Amino acid sequence: MAKTTPLQFLQQVRNETNKVTWPTRRETVITAIMVVIFVAVMAIFFSVTDAVLKAGVGFLINLGR
């Protein structure tokens, strides 16, 4: 395999970058909003799950006293 010079490498990177289909600003904003909503929903889910498990473990511990 032939070695490439740093200049050739940068040219190849530039050519490949030009082939990328970049998302529009609207697509980026919508995706970011979806991520924030999903993170909030998952945070609520795990908080509720943690509270239920904590209450269940507390109940079981107090049951043995």
C-alpha atoms as a PDB file:
ATOM      1  CA  MET A   1       0.000   0.000   0.000  1.00  0.00           C
ATOM      2  CA  ALA A   2       1.407   3.384  -0.998  1.00  0.00           C
ATOM      3  CA  LYS A   3       2.013   5.923   1.712  1.00  0.00           C
ATOM      4  CA  THR A   4       0.219   9.227   1.442  1.00  0.00           C
ATOM      5  CA  THR A   5       1.663  12.558   2.375  1.00  0.00           C
ATOM      6  CA  PRO A   6      -0.087  14.759   4.936  1.00  0.00           C
ATOM      7  CA  LEU A   7      -1.191  17.077   2.122  1.00  0.00           C
ATOM      8  CA  GLN A   8      -2.736  14.183   0.155  1.00  0.00           C
ATOM      9  CA  PHE A   9      -4.436  12.967   3.310  1.00  0.00           C
ATOM     10  CA  LEU A  10      -5.997  16.387   3.943  1.00  0.00           C
ATOM     11  CA  GLN A  11      -7.182  16.557   0.332  1.00  0.00           C
ATOM     12  CA  GLN A  12      -8.790  13.130   0.681  1.00  0.00           C
ATOM     13  CA  VAL A  13     -10.476  14.195   3.918  1.00  0.00           C
ATOM     14  CA  ARG A  14     -11.794  17.341   2.242  1.00  0.00           C
ATOM     15  CA  ASN A  15     -13.150  15.317  -0.709  1.00  0.00           C
ATOM     16  CA  GLU A  16     -14.905  12.869   1.621  1.00  0.00           C
ATOM     17  CA  THR A  17     -16.328  15.705   3.731  1.00  0.00           C
ATOM     18  CA  ASN A  18     -17.852  17.242   0.603  1.00  0.00           C
ATOM     19  CA  LYS A  19     -19.749  13.970  -0.004  1.00  0.00           C
ATOM     20  CA  VAL A  20     -21.488  14.107   3.381  1.00  0.00           C
ATOM     21  CA  THR A  21     -25.160  15.064   3.416  1.00  0.00           C
ATOM     22  CA  TRP A  22     -25.334  17.506   6.299  1.00  0.00           C
ATOM     23  CA  PRO A  23     -28.632  17.982   8.179  1.00  0.00           C
ATOM     24  CA  THR A  24     -30.475  21.243   7.846  1.00  0.00           C
ATOM     25  CA  ARG A  25     -30.767  23.661  10.740  1.00  0.00           C
ATOM     26  CA  ARG A  26     -34.425  22.658  11.202  1.00  0.00           C
ATOM     27  CA  GLU A  27     -33.549  18.946  11.353  1.00  0.00           C
ATOM     28  CA  THR A  28     -30.821  19.651  13.898  1.00  0.00           C
ATOM     29  CA  VAL A  29     -33.143  21.706  16.109  1.00  0.00           C
ATOM     30  CA  ILE A  30     -35.927  19.094  15.962  1.00  0.00           C
ATOM     31  CA  THR A  31     -33.501  16.295  16.784  1.00  0.00           C
ATOM     32  CA  ALA A  32     -32.040  18.266  19.700  1.00  0.00           C
ATOM     33  CA  ILE A  33     -35.531  18.934  21.086  1.00  0.00           C
ATOM     34  CA  MET A  34     -36.393  15.236  20.780  1.00  0.00           C
ATOM     35  CA  VAL A  35     -33.234  14.326  22.701  1.00  0.00           C
ATOM     36  CA  VAL A  36     -34.031  16.799  25.496  1.00  0.00           C
ATOM     37  CA  ILE A  37     -37.605  15.463  25.771  1.00  0.00           C
ATOM     38  CA  PHE A  38     -36.402  11.850  25.807  1.00  0.00           C
ATOM     39  CA  VAL A  39     -33.823  12.603  28.499  1.00  0.00           C
ATOM     40  CA  ALA A  40     -36.476  14.331  30.629  1.00  0.00           C
ATOM     41  CA  VAL A  41     -38.890  11.391  30.240  1.00  0.00           C
ATOM     42  CA  MET A  42     -36.184   8.885  31.130  1.00  0.00           C
ATOM     43  CA  ALA A  43     -35.123  10.974  34.156  1.00  0.00           C
ATOM     44  CA  ILE A  44     -38.710  10.965  35.414  1.00  0.00           C
ATOM     45  CA  PHE A  45     -39.043   7.230  34.738  1.00  0.00           C
ATOM     46  CA  PHE A  46     -35.861   6.353  36.630  1.00  0.00           C
ATOM     47  CA  SER A  47     -36.752   8.702  39.505  1.00  0.00           C
ATOM     48  CA  VAL A  48     -40.145   7.034  39.909  1.00  0.00           C
ATOM     49  CA  THR A  49     -38.612   3.559  39.592  1.00  0.00           C
ATOM     50  CA  ASP A  50     -35.999   4.449  42.206  1.00  0.00           C
ATOM     51  CA  ALA A  51     -38.652   5.765  44.599  1.00  0.00           C
ATOM     52  CA  VAL A  52     -40.794   2.629  44.186  1.00  0.00           C
ATOM     53  CA  LEU A  53     -37.824   0.312  44.743  1.00  0.00           C
ATOM     54  CA  LYS A  54     -36.683   2.362  47.736  1.00  0.00           C
ATOM     55  CA  ALA A  55     -40.149   2.144  49.275  1.00  0.00           C
ATOM     56  CA  GLY A  56     -40.301  -1.602  48.567  1.00  0.00           C
ATOM     57  CA  VAL A  57     -36.913  -2.284  50.138  1.00  0.00           C
ATOM     58  CA  GLY A  58     -37.806  -0.068  53.118  1.00  0.00           C
ATOM     59  CA  PHE A  59     -41.041  -2.013  53.563  1.00  0.00           C
ATOM     60  CA  LEU A  60     -39.218  -5.352  53.463  1.00  0.00           C
ATOM     61  CA  ILE A  61     -36.603  -4.168  55.963  1.00  0.00           C
ATOM     62  CA  ASN A  62     -39.261  -2.890  58.371  1.00  0.00           C
ATOM     63  CA  LEU A  63     -41.227  -6.116  57.972  1.00  0.00           C
ATOM     64  CA  GLY A  64     -38.448  -8.059  59.674  1.00  0.00           C
ATOM     65  CA  ARG A  65     -38.293  -5.809  62.761  1.00  0.00           C
END
